[in-house]
Amino acid sequence: MDIEKLMSLGLILNEILSNAFKYAFNGSKTGTIDILMHPIKDDQVELIVKDSGSGISIQMIDAPGDSLGMRLIQAFSDKLNATLSIGNVSGTVYKLTFDPTR
């Protein structure tokens, strides 16, 4: 990956992890965050970040533009030409699919 893609990816990860540490565990000192990046096709990579916290609210999924952090995640995903999905399955799950060479 070129440096611009790596920087966008790093900023996305920073924002997701910051949100997890700030909101997911409701002040608890325990919890897990899993980060997985793997190829899914010849030209596609999937990044999955999942926490075991309380889960993102439906309002945040439905209206991500209301949050600066979510707007940053979306903006950097757009810069990667990535597909972003966010879910609430036993915690918050972010899936980002993109071509690392383009």
Protein backbone atom coordinates (compact mmCIF):
# COMPACT_ATOMS: atom_id res chain seq x y z
CA MET A 1 0.00 0.00 0.00
CA ASP A 2 1.15 3.51 -0.65
CA ILE A 3 1.72 5.97 2.18
CA GLU A 4 -1.56 7.85 1.62
CA LYS A 5 -3.58 4.65 1.97
CA LEU A 6 -1.60 3.66 5.06
CA MET A 7 -2.20 7.06 6.63
CA SER A 8 -5.94 6.88 5.94
CA LEU A 9 -6.07 3.37 7.35
CA GLY A 10 -4.12 4.44 10.44
CA LEU A 11 -6.46 7.39 11.05
CA ILE A 12 -9.51 5.14 10.68
CA LEU A 13 -8.06 2.66 13.17
CA ASN A 14 -7.16 5.47 15.56
CA GLU A 15 -10.71 6.81 15.52
CA ILE A 16 -12.35 3.38 15.90
CA LEU A 17 -10.04 2.43 18.78
CA SER A 18 -10.49 5.82 20.47
CA ASN A 19 -14.26 5.38 20.28
CA ALA A 20 -14.02 1.85 21.69
CA PHE A 21 -11.88 2.90 24.65
CA LYS A 22 -14.07 5.93 25.30
CA TYR A 23 -17.56 4.45 24.89
CA ALA A 24 -17.65 0.66 24.54
CA PHE A 25 -16.84 -0.53 28.00
CA ASN A 26 -18.84 1.93 30.12
CA GLY A 27 -15.96 2.62 32.50
CA SER A 28 -15.09 -1.05 32.93
CA LYS A 29 -11.42 -1.89 32.95
CA THR A 30 -12.02 -5.13 31.04
CA GLY A 31 -13.03 -5.88 27.49
CA THR A 32 -11.54 -7.00 24.23
CA ILE A 33 -10.91 -5.40 20.87
CA ASP A 34 -10.10 -7.67 17.95
CA ILE A 35 -8.45 -6.34 14.80
CA LEU A 36 -8.24 -8.58 11.74
CA MET A 37 -7.10 -7.73 8.22
CA HIS A 38 -7.14 -10.39 5.53
CA PRO A 39 -7.52 -10.79 1.77
CA ILE A 40 -11.00 -11.73 0.58
CA LYS A 41 -10.38 -11.64 -3.18
CA ASP A 42 -7.35 -11.13 -5.40
CA ASP A 43 -7.78 -7.36 -5.28
CA GLN A 44 -9.72 -6.85 -2.04
CA VAL A 45 -8.76 -6.70 1.63
CA GLU A 46 -11.13 -6.68 4.57
CA LEU A 47 -10.38 -4.94 7.85
CA ILE A 48 -12.56 -5.95 10.79
CA VAL A 49 -12.45 -4.19 14.15
CA LYS A 50 -14.75 -5.63 16.83
CA ASP A 51 -15.09 -4.79 20.48
CA SER A 52 -16.89 -6.71 23.21
CA GLY A 53 -18.51 -3.61 24.63
CA SER A 54 -22.06 -2.38 24.92
CA GLY A 55 -22.43 -1.82 21.16
CA ILE A 56 -23.01 1.23 19.04
CA SER A 57 -26.45 2.79 19.15
CA ILE A 58 -28.86 2.37 16.25
CA GLN A 59 -29.08 6.18 16.04
CA MET A 60 -25.31 6.36 15.45
CA ILE A 61 -25.51 3.74 12.70
CA ASP A 62 -28.51 5.43 11.07
CA ALA A 63 -27.13 8.98 11.34
CA PRO A 64 -23.33 8.77 11.40
CA GLY A 65 -23.03 12.37 10.22
CA ASP A 66 -24.08 13.57 13.68
CA SER A 67 -20.71 12.52 15.13
CA LEU A 68 -17.36 14.06 14.22
CA GLY A 69 -15.61 10.71 14.76
CA MET A 70 -18.03 8.88 12.48
CA ARG A 71 -17.67 11.59 9.84
CA LEU A 72 -13.87 11.15 10.00
CA ILE A 73 -14.17 7.37 9.66
CA GLN A 74 -16.48 7.82 6.66
CA ALA A 75 -14.25 10.48 5.05
CA PHE A 76 -11.11 8.35 5.29
CA SER A 77 -13.05 5.29 4.09
CA ASP A 78 -14.14 7.31 1.07
CA LYS A 79 -10.51 8.29 0.48
CA LEU A 80 -9.66 4.56 0.37
CA ASN A 81 -12.63 3.94 -1.97
CA ALA A 82 -13.71 1.46 0.69
CA THR A 83 -17.03 -0.06 1.56
CA LEU A 84 -17.77 0.53 5.24
CA SER A 85 -20.32 -1.34 7.30
CA ILE A 86 -21.01 -0.88 10.99
CA GLY A 87 -22.99 -3.25 13.14
CA ASN A 88 -23.96 -4.06 16.68
CA VAL A 89 -23.38 -7.78 17.30
CA SER A 90 -22.22 -8.49 20.86
CA GLY A 91 -20.38 -5.18 20.68
CA THR A 92 -19.56 -2.87 17.81
CA VAL A 93 -18.21 -4.28 14.54
CA TYR A 94 -16.64 -2.20 11.77
CA LYS A 95 -15.93 -3.85 8.42
CA LEU A 96 -13.96 -2.03 5.78
CA THR A 97 -13.39 -3.57 2.35
CA PHE A 98 -11.02 -1.98 -0.14
CA ASP A 99 -8.42 -2.53 -2.84
CA PRO A 100 -5.00 -1.85 -1.26
CA THR A 101 -3.37 -1.21 -4.65
CA ARG A 102 -5.71 1.51 -5.97
